[in-house]
Amino acid sequence: MKTGLWVQDRSGHEYLITKDSLGYPHLIPFDRKTEFFQGAPAPLDLSVEEGKKIYQEITGKPYPFGHATTRQVLWDLIEAATKLLP
């Protein structure tokens, strides 16, 4: 089973955050999600800098550290997102 977290930044860009085989964040443009779930051979990752920018925009705090696990990153994003729920 593959799972992930969908996020949208302030400019309307959408991303899917999943984990790679080592447990680190794997960030792809949401419009390419079908390619990801079909097991596309080409890498779909965004840059680490783009991921850190999105993390900082959503959480309002700096990225924890360079080797943060997906579990930590997703938990921080979920905590920030719950504050935005009605």
Protein backbone atom coordinates (compact mmCIF):
# COMPACT_ATOMS: atom_id res chain seq x y z
CA MET A 1 0.00 0.00 0.00
CA LYS A 2 1.21 3.51 -0.82
CA THR A 3 0.07 6.45 1.30
CA GLY A 4 0.86 10.12 1.31
CA LEU A 5 -0.21 13.59 2.31
CA TRP A 6 -1.59 16.06 -0.21
CA VAL A 7 -0.68 19.72 0.37
CA GLN A 8 -1.41 22.94 -1.48
CA ASP A 9 0.74 26.03 -1.03
CA ARG A 10 -0.50 29.63 -1.04
CA SER A 11 0.07 29.95 -4.78
CA GLY A 12 -2.19 26.96 -5.47
CA HIS A 13 0.52 24.44 -6.37
CA GLU A 14 -0.30 20.93 -5.16
CA TYR A 15 2.15 18.29 -3.92
CA LEU A 16 2.06 14.71 -2.71
CA ILE A 17 4.42 13.90 0.15
CA THR A 18 5.22 10.22 0.63
CA LYS A 19 8.28 8.38 1.91
CA ASP A 20 11.11 6.80 0.01
CA SER A 21 12.47 3.32 0.65
CA LEU A 22 14.70 4.65 3.47
CA GLY A 23 11.88 6.52 5.23
CA TYR A 24 12.76 10.03 4.07
CA PRO A 25 10.32 12.51 2.50
CA HIS A 26 9.52 12.02 -1.19
CA LEU A 27 7.85 15.13 -2.62
CA ILE A 28 6.24 15.09 -6.07
CA PRO A 29 3.98 17.50 -7.97
CA PHE A 30 0.40 16.33 -7.37
CA ASP A 31 -0.45 16.52 -11.07
CA ARG A 32 2.08 13.68 -11.59
CA LYS A 33 0.61 11.47 -8.84
CA THR A 34 -0.69 8.95 -11.38
CA GLU A 35 2.85 8.41 -12.65
CA PHE A 36 4.04 7.87 -9.08
CA PHE A 37 1.36 5.33 -8.25
CA GLN A 38 1.97 3.48 -11.50
CA GLY A 39 5.64 3.09 -10.57
CA ALA A 40 7.12 5.50 -13.09
CA PRO A 41 10.77 4.73 -13.88
CA ALA A 42 11.78 8.41 -13.97
CA PRO A 43 12.36 10.26 -10.70
CA LEU A 44 9.53 12.65 -9.84
CA ASP A 45 11.03 14.30 -6.76
CA LEU A 46 11.10 18.02 -6.25
CA SER A 47 14.29 19.51 -4.86
CA VAL A 48 15.05 19.45 -1.14
CA GLU A 49 14.94 23.25 -1.18
CA GLU A 50 11.40 23.22 -2.59
CA GLY A 51 10.34 20.75 0.09
CA LYS A 52 11.84 22.84 2.86
CA LYS A 53 10.08 25.95 1.50
CA ILE A 54 6.70 24.21 1.54
CA TYR A 55 7.34 22.83 5.04
CA GLN A 56 8.23 26.30 6.33
CA GLU A 57 5.21 27.89 4.65
CA ILE A 58 2.77 25.39 6.14
CA THR A 59 4.25 25.02 9.63
CA GLY A 60 5.65 28.52 10.08
CA LYS A 61 8.92 27.11 11.44
CA PRO A 62 12.26 26.12 9.93
CA TYR A 63 12.79 22.62 8.58
CA PRO A 64 13.87 20.43 11.54
CA PHE A 65 17.19 19.20 10.10
CA GLY A 66 18.61 17.84 6.87
CA HIS A 67 17.93 14.19 7.62
CA ALA A 68 14.45 14.47 9.18
CA THR A 69 12.35 11.36 8.62
CA THR A 70 9.04 11.35 6.80
CA ARG A 71 7.25 10.51 10.04
CA GLN A 72 8.54 13.68 11.71
CA VAL A 73 7.91 15.90 8.68
CA LEU A 74 4.39 14.56 8.09
CA TRP A 75 3.50 14.81 11.78
CA ASP A 76 4.57 18.46 11.83
CA LEU A 77 2.53 19.14 8.67
CA ILE A 78 -0.54 17.36 10.08
CA GLU A 79 -0.31 19.34 13.33
CA ALA A 80 -0.10 22.60 11.35
CA ALA A 81 -2.98 21.56 9.07
CA THR A 82 -5.33 20.71 11.95
CA LYS A 83 -5.11 24.32 13.12
CA LEU A 84 -6.55 25.38 9.76
CA LEU A 85 -9.59 23.09 9.94
CA PRO A 86 -12.98 24.74 10.55
